[in-house]
N, C-alpha and C. Protein backbone atom coordinates (compact mmCIF):
# COMPACT_ATOMS: atom_id res chain seq x y z
N MET A 1 93.77 156.56 81.96
CA MET A 1 92.38 156.57 81.49
C MET A 1 92.16 155.51 80.41
N ASN A 2 93.15 155.37 79.52
CA ASN A 2 93.04 154.37 78.47
C ASN A 2 92.95 152.97 79.05
N HIS A 3 93.69 152.75 80.15
CA HIS A 3 93.63 151.45 80.82
C HIS A 3 92.21 151.17 81.31
N TRP A 4 91.56 152.17 81.90
CA TRP A 4 90.20 151.99 82.41
C TRP A 4 89.23 151.71 81.27
N GLU A 5 89.38 152.41 80.15
CA GLU A 5 88.49 152.19 79.01
C GLU A 5 88.59 150.75 78.51
N GLN A 6 89.82 150.23 78.46
CA GLN A 6 90.03 148.85 78.02
C GLN A 6 89.44 147.87 79.04
N PHE A 7 89.63 148.18 80.32
CA PHE A 7 89.13 147.30 81.38
C PHE A 7 87.60 147.24 81.39
N LEU A 8 86.96 148.40 81.19
CA LEU A 8 85.50 148.48 81.30
C LEU A 8 84.77 148.10 80.02
N ALA A 9 85.50 148.03 78.90
CA ALA A 9 84.86 147.74 77.61
C ALA A 9 84.02 146.45 77.63
N PRO A 10 84.56 145.33 78.13
CA PRO A 10 83.72 144.12 78.14
C PRO A 10 82.53 144.22 79.10
N TYR A 11 82.64 145.03 80.15
CA TYR A 11 81.51 145.24 81.05
C TYR A 11 80.38 145.99 80.32
N LYS A 12 80.77 146.99 79.52
CA LYS A 12 79.79 147.73 78.74
C LYS A 12 79.13 146.82 77.71
N GLN A 13 79.94 145.95 77.12
CA GLN A 13 79.39 145.01 76.15
C GLN A 13 78.41 144.06 76.81
N ALA A 14 78.75 143.58 78.00
CA ALA A 14 77.87 142.68 78.74
C ALA A 14 76.54 143.35 79.05
N VAL A 15 76.58 144.60 79.51
CA VAL A 15 75.35 145.33 79.84
C VAL A 15 74.49 145.51 78.60
N ASP A 16 75.11 145.92 77.49
CA ASP A 16 74.36 146.13 76.25
C ASP A 16 73.69 144.84 75.78
N GLU A 17 74.44 143.74 75.81
CA GLU A 17 73.89 142.47 75.35
C GLU A 17 72.76 141.98 76.25
N LEU A 18 72.97 142.09 77.56
CA LEU A 18 71.97 141.59 78.50
C LEU A 18 70.70 142.44 78.48
N LYS A 19 70.84 143.74 78.25
CA LYS A 19 69.65 144.58 78.15
C LYS A 19 68.77 144.11 76.99
N ILE A 20 69.40 143.82 75.86
CA ILE A 20 68.64 143.34 74.70
C ILE A 20 67.98 142.00 75.01
N LYS A 21 68.73 141.10 75.62
CA LYS A 21 68.19 139.76 75.92
C LYS A 21 67.05 139.81 76.92
N LEU A 22 67.23 140.59 77.99
CA LEU A 22 66.21 140.62 79.04
C LEU A 22 64.97 141.40 78.60
N LYS A 23 65.18 142.44 77.78
CA LYS A 23 64.02 143.14 77.21
C LYS A 23 63.28 142.20 76.25
N GLY A 24 64.03 141.33 75.61
CA GLY A 24 63.42 140.35 74.71
C GLY A 24 62.46 139.42 75.44
N MET A 25 62.75 139.13 76.71
CA MET A 25 61.84 138.30 77.51
C MET A 25 60.48 138.98 77.62
N ARG A 26 60.49 140.28 77.86
CA ARG A 26 59.22 141.02 77.94
C ARG A 26 58.48 140.95 76.62
N GLY A 27 59.22 141.11 75.52
CA GLY A 27 58.60 141.05 74.21
C GLY A 27 57.92 139.72 73.94
N GLU A 28 58.50 138.63 74.45
CA GLU A 28 57.91 137.30 74.25
C GLU A 28 56.56 137.20 74.94
N TYR A 29 56.47 137.75 76.16
CA TYR A 29 55.18 137.74 76.86
C TYR A 29 54.14 138.52 76.07
N GLU A 30 54.54 139.66 75.53
CA GLU A 30 53.60 140.48 74.77
C GLU A 30 53.12 139.77 73.52
N LEU A 31 54.02 139.02 72.86
CA LEU A 31 53.63 138.26 71.67
C LEU A 31 52.57 137.22 71.99
N HIS A 32 52.64 136.68 73.20
CA HIS A 32 51.67 135.66 73.61
C HIS A 32 50.46 136.27 74.33
N ASN A 33 50.40 137.61 74.33
CA ASN A 33 49.27 138.31 74.96
C ASN A 33 49.04 137.88 76.40
N THR A 34 50.13 137.69 77.13
CA THR A 34 50.04 137.34 78.55
C THR A 34 50.75 138.41 79.37
N HIS A 35 50.39 138.47 80.65
CA HIS A 35 51.00 139.46 81.54
C HIS A 35 52.51 139.28 81.60
N SER A 36 53.24 140.36 81.37
CA SER A 36 54.69 140.29 81.48
C SER A 36 55.11 140.62 82.91
N PRO A 37 55.89 139.73 83.54
CA PRO A 37 56.39 140.03 84.88
C PRO A 37 57.45 141.13 84.87
N ILE A 38 57.92 141.49 83.67
CA ILE A 38 58.96 142.50 83.52
C ILE A 38 58.32 143.79 83.01
N GLU A 39 58.44 144.85 83.79
CA GLU A 39 57.90 146.14 83.39
C GLU A 39 58.90 146.85 82.47
N PHE A 40 60.15 146.96 82.90
CA PHE A 40 61.21 147.47 82.03
C PHE A 40 62.56 147.09 82.61
N VAL A 41 63.60 147.26 81.79
CA VAL A 41 64.95 146.87 82.15
C VAL A 41 65.90 148.05 81.94
N THR A 42 66.75 148.30 82.91
CA THR A 42 67.78 149.33 82.76
C THR A 42 69.14 148.70 83.08
N GLY A 43 70.21 149.38 82.67
CA GLY A 43 71.55 148.86 82.94
C GLY A 43 72.58 149.96 82.93
N ARG A 44 73.68 149.71 83.60
CA ARG A 44 74.76 150.69 83.64
C ARG A 44 76.07 150.01 84.04
N VAL A 45 77.17 150.67 83.70
CA VAL A 45 78.49 150.27 84.20
C VAL A 45 78.87 151.30 85.26
N LYS A 46 79.33 150.84 86.40
CA LYS A 46 79.65 151.73 87.51
C LYS A 46 80.75 152.71 87.10
N PRO A 47 80.59 154.01 87.42
CA PRO A 47 81.63 154.99 87.11
C PRO A 47 82.94 154.65 87.83
N ILE A 48 84.04 155.10 87.24
CA ILE A 48 85.37 154.79 87.79
C ILE A 48 85.48 155.24 89.25
N ALA A 49 85.01 156.46 89.54
CA ALA A 49 85.10 156.98 90.91
C ALA A 49 84.35 156.09 91.89
N SER A 50 83.19 155.58 91.48
CA SER A 50 82.41 154.70 92.36
C SER A 50 83.10 153.36 92.56
N ILE A 51 83.74 152.87 91.49
CA ILE A 51 84.50 151.61 91.61
C ILE A 51 85.62 151.77 92.63
N LEU A 52 86.35 152.88 92.52
CA LEU A 52 87.47 153.12 93.44
C LEU A 52 86.99 153.29 94.88
N ASP A 53 85.87 154.02 95.05
CA ASP A 53 85.31 154.22 96.39
C ASP A 53 84.91 152.90 97.03
N LYS A 54 84.20 152.07 96.26
CA LYS A 54 83.71 150.81 96.81
C LYS A 54 84.87 149.86 97.10
N ALA A 55 85.86 149.83 96.20
CA ALA A 55 87.03 148.97 96.43
C ALA A 55 87.76 149.40 97.70
N ASN A 56 87.85 150.70 97.91
CA ASN A 56 88.50 151.22 99.10
C ASN A 56 87.72 150.86 100.37
N GLN A 57 86.40 150.99 100.31
CA GLN A 57 85.55 150.66 101.45
C GLN A 57 85.66 149.19 101.84
N LYS A 58 85.75 148.33 100.83
CA LYS A 58 85.79 146.89 101.08
C LYS A 58 87.20 146.33 101.20
N GLY A 59 88.20 147.23 101.06
CA GLY A 59 89.58 146.77 101.17
C GLY A 59 90.00 145.84 100.04
N ILE A 60 89.48 146.11 98.83
CA ILE A 60 89.79 145.28 97.67
C ILE A 60 90.92 145.92 96.88
N LYS A 61 91.95 145.14 96.58
CA LYS A 61 93.05 145.65 95.77
C LYS A 61 92.58 145.89 94.34
N LEU A 62 93.15 146.90 93.69
CA LEU A 62 92.75 147.21 92.32
C LEU A 62 92.97 146.01 91.39
N SER A 63 93.98 145.23 91.68
CA SER A 63 94.27 144.06 90.83
C SER A 63 93.19 142.98 90.96
N ASN A 64 92.34 143.09 92.00
CA ASN A 64 91.33 142.05 92.24
C ASN A 64 89.90 142.52 92.00
N ILE A 65 89.71 143.75 91.53
CA ILE A 65 88.34 144.25 91.44
C ILE A 65 87.50 143.47 90.43
N GLY A 66 88.12 142.91 89.42
CA GLY A 66 87.37 142.15 88.42
C GLY A 66 86.75 140.88 88.98
N THR A 67 87.35 140.32 90.02
CA THR A 67 86.85 139.08 90.60
C THR A 67 86.13 139.29 91.93
N GLU A 68 86.37 140.43 92.59
CA GLU A 68 85.79 140.64 93.92
C GLU A 68 84.67 141.68 93.95
N LEU A 69 84.62 142.56 92.96
CA LEU A 69 83.51 143.51 92.87
C LEU A 69 82.46 142.92 91.92
N GLN A 70 81.28 142.64 92.46
CA GLN A 70 80.27 141.93 91.67
C GLN A 70 79.35 142.85 90.88
N ASP A 71 79.39 144.14 91.15
CA ASP A 71 78.41 145.03 90.52
C ASP A 71 79.02 146.12 89.67
N ILE A 72 80.22 145.88 89.12
CA ILE A 72 80.76 146.85 88.16
C ILE A 72 79.79 146.98 86.99
N ALA A 73 79.27 145.85 86.53
CA ALA A 73 78.18 145.85 85.54
C ALA A 73 76.90 145.52 86.28
N GLY A 74 75.86 146.32 86.08
CA GLY A 74 74.62 146.10 86.80
C GLY A 74 73.40 146.32 85.94
N LEU A 75 72.38 145.49 86.17
CA LEU A 75 71.09 145.66 85.50
C LEU A 75 69.98 145.64 86.54
N ARG A 76 68.90 146.34 86.23
CA ARG A 76 67.72 146.32 87.08
C ARG A 76 66.53 145.90 86.24
N MET A 77 65.76 144.97 86.79
CA MET A 77 64.54 144.51 86.14
C MET A 77 63.37 144.92 87.04
N MET A 78 62.51 145.79 86.52
CA MET A 78 61.40 146.30 87.30
C MET A 78 60.14 145.46 87.08
N CYS A 79 59.42 145.25 88.16
CA CYS A 79 58.20 144.44 88.12
C CYS A 79 57.04 145.24 88.71
N GLN A 80 55.83 144.90 88.30
CA GLN A 80 54.66 145.56 88.88
C GLN A 80 54.33 144.97 90.25
N PHE A 81 54.46 143.65 90.38
CA PHE A 81 54.01 142.97 91.60
C PHE A 81 55.15 142.17 92.23
N VAL A 82 55.06 141.98 93.55
CA VAL A 82 56.07 141.19 94.26
C VAL A 82 56.13 139.78 93.67
N GLU A 83 54.96 139.23 93.34
CA GLU A 83 54.92 137.87 92.77
C GLU A 83 55.72 137.77 91.48
N ASP A 84 55.77 138.86 90.72
CA ASP A 84 56.50 138.87 89.45
C ASP A 84 58.00 138.68 89.68
N ILE A 85 58.49 139.17 90.81
CA ILE A 85 59.93 139.04 91.11
C ILE A 85 60.34 137.57 91.09
N HIS A 86 59.54 136.74 91.73
CA HIS A 86 59.88 135.32 91.81
C HIS A 86 59.77 134.63 90.45
N VAL A 87 58.82 135.09 89.63
CA VAL A 87 58.70 134.55 88.27
C VAL A 87 59.95 134.88 87.47
N VAL A 88 60.41 136.13 87.56
CA VAL A 88 61.60 136.56 86.83
C VAL A 88 62.83 135.78 87.29
N VAL A 89 62.97 135.59 88.59
CA VAL A 89 64.12 134.83 89.11
C VAL A 89 64.13 133.42 88.56
N GLU A 90 62.96 132.78 88.50
CA GLU A 90 62.88 131.42 87.95
C GLU A 90 63.27 131.41 86.48
N LYS A 91 62.87 132.43 85.73
CA LYS A 91 63.24 132.51 84.31
C LYS A 91 64.75 132.68 84.16
N LEU A 92 65.36 133.47 85.02
CA LEU A 92 66.81 133.66 84.96
C LEU A 92 67.53 132.34 85.30
N ARG A 93 67.02 131.61 86.26
CA ARG A 93 67.62 130.33 86.63
C ARG A 93 67.62 129.33 85.47
N GLY A 94 66.63 129.47 84.60
CA GLY A 94 66.51 128.52 83.50
C GLY A 94 67.31 128.87 82.26
N ARG A 95 67.96 130.02 82.24
CA ARG A 95 68.71 130.43 81.05
C ARG A 95 70.04 129.69 80.95
N LYS A 96 70.49 129.52 79.70
CA LYS A 96 71.73 128.78 79.43
C LYS A 96 72.87 129.70 78.97
N ASP A 97 72.58 131.01 78.81
CA ASP A 97 73.62 131.91 78.28
C ASP A 97 74.45 132.56 79.38
N PHE A 98 74.17 132.24 80.63
CA PHE A 98 75.02 132.67 81.75
C PHE A 98 74.82 131.73 82.93
N THR A 99 75.69 131.86 83.92
CA THR A 99 75.62 131.00 85.09
C THR A 99 75.37 131.85 86.33
N ILE A 100 74.36 131.49 87.10
CA ILE A 100 74.11 132.19 88.37
C ILE A 100 75.08 131.67 89.42
N ILE A 101 75.80 132.59 90.05
CA ILE A 101 76.78 132.17 91.06
C ILE A 101 76.36 132.58 92.47
N GLU A 102 75.38 133.49 92.58
CA GLU A 102 74.93 133.90 93.91
C GLU A 102 73.56 134.55 93.83
N GLU A 103 72.73 134.30 94.82
CA GLU A 103 71.43 134.95 94.95
C GLU A 103 71.30 135.53 96.35
N ARG A 104 70.74 136.74 96.43
CA ARG A 104 70.50 137.36 97.73
C ARG A 104 69.07 137.89 97.76
N ASP A 105 68.26 137.29 98.63
CA ASP A 105 66.84 137.63 98.70
C ASP A 105 66.60 138.68 99.77
N TYR A 106 66.63 139.95 99.36
CA TYR A 106 66.33 141.04 100.28
C TYR A 106 64.85 141.42 100.23
N VAL A 107 64.04 140.62 99.53
CA VAL A 107 62.59 140.83 99.55
C VAL A 107 62.01 140.14 100.77
N THR A 108 62.35 138.86 100.92
CA THR A 108 61.90 138.10 102.08
C THR A 108 62.67 138.51 103.33
N HIS A 109 63.96 138.77 103.14
CA HIS A 109 64.83 139.15 104.26
C HIS A 109 65.38 140.55 103.99
N LYS A 110 64.58 141.55 104.34
CA LYS A 110 64.96 142.94 104.06
C LYS A 110 66.19 143.33 104.86
N LYS A 111 66.91 144.34 104.37
CA LYS A 111 68.03 144.88 105.12
C LYS A 111 67.51 145.72 106.28
N GLN A 112 68.36 145.98 107.24
CA GLN A 112 67.96 146.76 108.41
C GLN A 112 67.46 148.15 108.02
N SER A 113 68.01 148.69 106.95
CA SER A 113 67.60 150.02 106.48
C SER A 113 66.18 150.05 105.96
N GLY A 114 65.65 148.87 105.62
CA GLY A 114 64.34 148.78 104.98
C GLY A 114 64.43 148.40 103.52
N TYR A 115 65.65 148.33 103.00
CA TYR A 115 65.89 148.02 101.58
C TYR A 115 65.35 146.64 101.22
N ARG A 116 64.62 146.59 100.11
CA ARG A 116 64.12 145.33 99.57
C ARG A 116 64.44 145.23 98.08
N SER A 117 64.91 144.08 97.67
CA SER A 117 65.21 143.81 96.26
C SER A 117 65.71 142.38 96.21
N TYR A 118 65.71 141.79 95.03
CA TYR A 118 66.28 140.45 94.85
C TYR A 118 67.50 140.58 93.96
N HIS A 119 68.66 140.15 94.46
CA HIS A 119 69.90 140.28 93.71
C HIS A 119 70.35 138.92 93.17
N VAL A 120 70.69 138.91 91.91
CA VAL A 120 71.25 137.71 91.27
C VAL A 120 72.58 138.10 90.65
N VAL A 121 73.64 137.43 91.05
CA VAL A 121 74.96 137.68 90.48
C VAL A 121 75.24 136.57 89.47
N ILE A 122 75.58 136.97 88.25
CA ILE A 122 75.81 135.98 87.20
C ILE A 122 77.23 136.07 86.66
N ASP A 123 77.66 134.97 86.10
CA ASP A 123 78.92 134.91 85.36
C ASP A 123 78.54 134.89 83.88
N TYR A 124 78.86 135.98 83.17
CA TYR A 124 78.41 136.13 81.79
C TYR A 124 79.60 136.14 80.84
N PRO A 125 79.60 135.24 79.83
CA PRO A 125 80.71 135.20 78.88
C PRO A 125 80.57 136.22 77.76
N VAL A 126 81.56 137.09 77.63
CA VAL A 126 81.57 138.10 76.57
C VAL A 126 82.59 137.67 75.51
N GLN A 127 82.19 137.76 74.25
CA GLN A 127 83.09 137.41 73.16
C GLN A 127 83.83 138.67 72.71
N THR A 128 85.14 138.68 72.87
CA THR A 128 85.95 139.84 72.46
C THR A 128 86.92 139.41 71.36
N ILE A 129 87.63 140.38 70.80
CA ILE A 129 88.61 140.05 69.76
C ILE A 129 89.79 139.26 70.33
N HIS A 130 89.92 139.29 71.65
CA HIS A 130 91.00 138.55 72.31
C HIS A 130 90.51 137.21 72.87
N GLY A 131 89.27 136.85 72.55
CA GLY A 131 88.72 135.61 73.04
C GLY A 131 87.60 135.85 74.04
N GLU A 132 87.14 134.79 74.67
CA GLU A 132 86.03 134.89 75.62
C GLU A 132 86.52 135.42 76.97
N LYS A 133 85.73 136.35 77.54
CA LYS A 133 86.05 136.90 78.85
C LYS A 133 84.80 136.81 79.72
N ASN A 134 84.95 136.21 80.88
CA ASN A 134 83.81 136.07 81.79
C ASN A 134 83.70 137.29 82.71
N ILE A 135 82.50 137.84 82.75
CA ILE A 135 82.24 139.08 83.48
C ILE A 135 81.21 138.81 84.58
N LEU A 136 81.47 139.34 85.77
CA LEU A 136 80.47 139.30 86.84
C LEU A 136 79.48 140.43 86.63
N VAL A 137 78.19 140.10 86.69
CA VAL A 137 77.14 141.09 86.51
C VAL A 137 76.11 140.90 87.62
N GLU A 138 75.69 142.01 88.24
CA GLU A 138 74.65 141.92 89.25
C GLU A 138 73.32 142.37 88.65
N ILE A 139 72.31 141.51 88.77
CA ILE A 139 70.96 141.84 88.30
C ILE A 139 70.07 142.03 89.53
N GLN A 140 69.46 143.21 89.62
CA GLN A 140 68.55 143.50 90.73
C GLN A 140 67.12 143.44 90.19
N ILE A 141 66.27 142.67 90.87
CA ILE A 141 64.87 142.55 90.48
C ILE A 141 64.03 143.12 91.61
N ARG A 142 63.20 144.10 91.29
CA ARG A 142 62.42 144.76 92.34
C ARG A 142 61.14 145.36 91.76
N THR A 143 60.21 145.70 92.64
CA THR A 143 58.99 146.38 92.19
C THR A 143 59.28 147.86 92.00
N LEU A 144 58.33 148.54 91.37
CA LEU A 144 58.48 149.98 91.13
C LEU A 144 58.56 150.75 92.45
N SER A 145 57.78 150.35 93.44
CA SER A 145 57.81 151.06 94.72
C SER A 145 59.11 150.78 95.46
N MET A 146 59.62 149.56 95.38
CA MET A 146 60.93 149.27 95.97
C MET A 146 62.02 150.11 95.32
N ASN A 147 61.92 150.28 94.02
CA ASN A 147 62.93 151.05 93.29
C ASN A 147 62.87 152.53 93.66
N PHE A 148 61.64 153.05 93.81
CA PHE A 148 61.49 154.45 94.21
C PHE A 148 62.17 154.69 95.56
N TRP A 149 61.90 153.79 96.52
CA TRP A 149 62.50 153.94 97.85
C TRP A 149 64.02 153.83 97.78
N ALA A 150 64.53 152.84 97.04
CA ALA A 150 65.97 152.61 96.97
C ALA A 150 66.69 153.78 96.31
N THR A 151 66.05 154.41 95.32
CA THR A 151 66.65 155.57 94.65
C THR A 151 66.79 156.74 95.61
N ILE A 152 65.75 156.97 96.42
CA ILE A 152 65.80 158.05 97.42
C ILE A 152 66.86 157.75 98.47
N GLU A 153 66.88 156.52 98.95
CA GLU A 153 67.84 156.15 100.00
C GLU A 153 69.28 156.29 99.49
N HIS A 154 69.50 155.93 98.23
CA HIS A 154 70.83 156.04 97.64
C HIS A 154 71.28 157.50 97.59
N SER A 155 70.36 158.41 97.23
CA SER A 155 70.69 159.84 97.16
C SER A 155 71.03 160.38 98.54
N LEU A 156 70.27 159.97 99.55
CA LEU A 156 70.53 160.44 100.91
C LEU A 156 71.84 159.88 101.45
N ASN A 157 72.12 158.63 101.11
CA ASN A 157 73.40 158.04 101.53
C ASN A 157 74.57 158.81 100.94
N TYR A 158 74.41 159.22 99.68
CA TYR A 158 75.46 160.00 99.02
C TYR A 158 75.62 161.36 99.68
N LYS A 159 74.48 162.01 99.98
CA LYS A 159 74.52 163.33 100.59
C LYS A 159 75.22 163.30 101.95
N TYR A 160 74.91 162.27 102.74
CA TYR A 160 75.44 162.20 104.11
C TYR A 160 76.63 161.24 104.23
N SER A 161 77.21 160.86 103.09
CA SER A 161 78.39 159.97 103.08
C SER A 161 78.16 158.71 103.90
N GLY A 162 76.96 158.16 103.77
CA GLY A 162 76.63 156.91 104.45
C GLY A 162 76.20 157.07 105.89
N GLN A 163 76.26 158.29 106.44
CA GLN A 163 75.88 158.54 107.83
C GLN A 163 74.58 159.35 107.87
N ILE A 164 73.48 158.74 107.48
CA ILE A 164 72.19 159.43 107.46
C ILE A 164 71.76 159.74 108.89
N PRO A 165 71.34 160.97 109.17
CA PRO A 165 70.88 161.32 110.51
C PRO A 165 69.77 160.40 111.00
N GLU A 166 69.76 160.14 112.29
CA GLU A 166 68.86 159.14 112.87
C GLU A 166 67.39 159.44 112.56
N GLN A 167 66.99 160.71 112.66
CA GLN A 167 65.59 161.06 112.41
C GLN A 167 65.19 160.72 110.98
N ILE A 168 66.06 161.07 110.03
CA ILE A 168 65.77 160.77 108.62
C ILE A 168 65.80 159.26 108.39
N ARG A 169 66.73 158.57 109.04
CA ARG A 169 66.83 157.12 108.89
C ARG A 169 65.55 156.42 109.35
N HIS A 170 64.98 156.89 110.46
CA HIS A 170 63.72 156.31 110.95
C HIS A 170 62.58 156.59 109.97
N ARG A 171 62.58 157.80 109.41
CA ARG A 171 61.57 158.13 108.41
C ARG A 171 61.69 157.22 107.19
N LEU A 172 62.93 156.97 106.79
CA LEU A 172 63.17 156.09 105.65
C LEU A 172 62.67 154.68 105.92
N GLN A 173 62.91 154.18 107.12
CA GLN A 173 62.45 152.85 107.48
C GLN A 173 60.92 152.78 107.44
N SER A 174 60.27 153.84 107.93
CA SER A 174 58.80 153.88 107.88
C SER A 174 58.31 153.93 106.44
N ALA A 175 59.02 154.71 105.62
CA ALA A 175 58.65 154.81 104.21
C ALA A 175 58.82 153.47 103.50
N ALA A 176 59.86 152.72 103.87
CA ALA A 176 60.09 151.40 103.27
C ALA A 176 58.93 150.46 103.58
N GLU A 177 58.43 150.51 104.82
CA GLU A 177 57.30 149.66 105.19
C GLU A 177 56.03 150.10 104.47
N ALA A 178 55.87 151.42 104.32
CA ALA A 178 54.70 151.92 103.59
C ALA A 178 54.75 151.47 102.13
N ALA A 179 55.93 151.50 101.53
CA ALA A 179 56.09 151.07 100.14
C ALA A 179 55.76 149.59 100.00
N PHE A 180 56.19 148.80 100.99
CA PHE A 180 55.92 147.36 100.90
C PHE A 180 54.43 147.07 101.14
N ARG A 181 53.79 147.86 101.99
CA ARG A 181 52.34 147.69 102.19
C ARG A 181 51.60 148.01 100.90
N LEU A 182 52.10 149.00 100.16
CA LEU A 182 51.51 149.31 98.85
C LEU A 182 51.61 148.10 97.93
N ASP A 183 52.80 147.48 97.89
CA ASP A 183 52.98 146.28 97.07
C ASP A 183 52.01 145.17 97.50
N GLU A 184 51.85 145.00 98.81
CA GLU A 184 50.96 143.94 99.31
C GLU A 184 49.51 144.22 98.92
N GLU A 185 49.09 145.49 99.02
CA GLU A 185 47.72 145.84 98.65
C GLU A 185 47.48 145.61 97.16
N MET A 186 48.48 145.98 96.34
CA MET A 186 48.35 145.77 94.90
C MET A 186 48.28 144.28 94.55
N SER A 187 48.99 143.47 95.32
CA SER A 187 48.96 142.03 95.09
C SER A 187 47.57 141.45 95.34
N LEU A 188 46.83 142.04 96.28
CA LEU A 188 45.49 141.55 96.61
C LEU A 188 44.50 141.78 95.48
N ILE A 189 44.75 142.78 94.65
CA ILE A 189 43.86 143.05 93.51
C ILE A 189 44.60 142.86 92.18
N ARG A 190 45.61 142.02 92.21
CA ARG A 190 46.47 141.83 91.04
C ARG A 190 45.68 141.36 89.81
N GLU A 191 44.78 140.42 89.98
CA GLU A 191 44.03 139.91 88.84
C GLU A 191 43.15 140.99 88.22
N GLU A 192 42.54 141.80 89.07
CA GLU A 192 41.71 142.89 88.58
C GLU A 192 42.55 143.90 87.79
N ILE A 193 43.73 144.22 88.31
CA ILE A 193 44.62 145.17 87.65
C ILE A 193 45.06 144.65 86.29
N GLN A 194 45.46 143.38 86.25
CA GLN A 194 45.93 142.79 85.00
C GLN A 194 44.82 142.74 83.96
N GLU A 195 43.61 142.42 84.40
CA GLU A 195 42.47 142.38 83.47
C GLU A 195 42.18 143.77 82.92
N ALA A 196 42.23 144.78 83.80
CA ALA A 196 41.99 146.16 83.36
C ALA A 196 43.07 146.61 82.37
N GLN A 197 44.31 146.21 82.61
CA GLN A 197 45.40 146.59 81.70
C GLN A 197 45.24 145.96 80.33
N VAL A 198 44.76 144.72 80.29
CA VAL A 198 44.52 144.05 79.01
C VAL A 198 43.42 144.77 78.24
N ILE A 199 42.34 145.13 78.93
CA ILE A 199 41.23 145.84 78.30
C ILE A 199 41.70 147.18 77.74
N PHE A 200 42.49 147.90 78.55
CA PHE A 200 42.99 149.22 78.12
C PHE A 200 43.91 149.09 76.91
N THR A 201 44.82 148.10 76.95
CA THR A 201 45.76 147.89 75.84
C THR A 201 45.03 147.54 74.56
N ASN A 202 44.04 146.64 74.65
CA ASN A 202 43.28 146.25 73.47
C ASN A 202 42.52 147.44 72.88
N LYS A 203 41.95 148.27 73.76
CA LYS A 203 41.22 149.45 73.28
C LYS A 203 42.16 150.42 72.58
N LYS A 204 43.33 150.63 73.17
CA LYS A 204 44.30 151.56 72.59
C LYS A 204 44.74 151.08 71.20
N GLU A 205 45.01 149.77 71.09
CA GLU A 205 45.42 149.22 69.80
C GLU A 205 44.29 149.33 68.78
N LYS A 206 43.06 149.12 69.22
CA LYS A 206 41.91 149.23 68.31
C LYS A 206 41.75 150.67 67.84
N ASP A 207 41.91 151.63 68.77
CA ASP A 207 41.80 153.05 68.41
C ASP A 207 42.89 153.45 67.41
N GLN A 208 44.11 152.91 67.64
CA GLN A 208 45.21 153.23 66.73
C GLN A 208 44.96 152.69 65.33
N ARG A 209 44.42 151.47 65.26
CA ARG A 209 44.12 150.88 63.95
C ARG A 209 43.03 151.68 63.24
N GLY A 210 42.07 152.17 64.04
CA GLY A 210 40.97 152.93 63.45
C GLY A 210 41.39 154.28 62.94
N SER A 211 42.46 154.84 63.53
CA SER A 211 42.92 156.16 63.11
C SER A 211 43.94 156.11 61.97
N GLU A 212 44.38 154.90 61.60
CA GLU A 212 45.35 154.79 60.52
C GLU A 212 44.66 155.04 59.18
N PRO A 213 45.25 155.87 58.31
CA PRO A 213 44.63 156.14 57.00
C PRO A 213 44.65 154.88 56.13
N LYS A 214 43.54 154.65 55.44
CA LYS A 214 43.46 153.49 54.56
C LYS A 214 44.31 153.73 53.32
N GLN A 215 45.07 152.68 52.93
CA GLN A 215 45.92 152.82 51.75
C GLN A 215 45.08 152.60 50.50
N GLN A 216 45.30 153.45 49.53
CA GLN A 216 44.57 153.32 48.28
C GLN A 216 45.20 152.25 47.41
N GLY A 217 44.40 151.59 46.64
CA GLY A 217 44.89 150.56 45.73
C GLY A 217 45.73 151.19 44.64
N VAL A 218 46.60 150.40 44.03
CA VAL A 218 47.52 150.93 43.01
C VAL A 218 46.78 151.35 41.75
N ASN A 219 45.56 150.81 41.53
CA ASN A 219 44.83 151.12 40.30
C ASN A 219 43.85 152.27 40.50
N GLU A 220 43.75 152.81 41.76
CA GLU A 220 42.77 153.87 41.99
C GLU A 220 43.31 155.20 41.49
């Protein structure tokens, strides 16, 4: 167990650092009062049991999991609109604090299951007490509806050990198309939605300022 804690420590550090950095991107958009393509960011390090299961499925030796398993450290960046996904990918391509080594576009080229998401695998340098260590990290960029579908599909895959019954699988595929149609419909009124969100945010901030108690002067 101690060996695993030492092995996973830099992965946890990478996730923590990247969450702060990628959330910071959203904060920059807010400072400029412009639409943020990033709704929120989450991250995790894969549990030991999941690492072992995936290594076994892919025939990866334990000695090679650090170089052959790309998603031991993983982050998800959620977007409101499909168009936002491409904006986020371009921003990631322009960063200098990591190197993109692979991209997989499952938005344009969905998986047979119906799964849609954009995957970016990066090489991220972590500074440790033993020196710099490069970590593979997978970043998934997807809309909220894509994420809802993927979360359900993941649970069903776990329940049926990857062998989802045909009837349920067909339902899932139909649900995936329905989710993508929702994204497409939202894209058609994207400007209206963004304008409404700005109006709502400004009103909320104004209401909050109005409800704040006025500070009395020191001489009163």
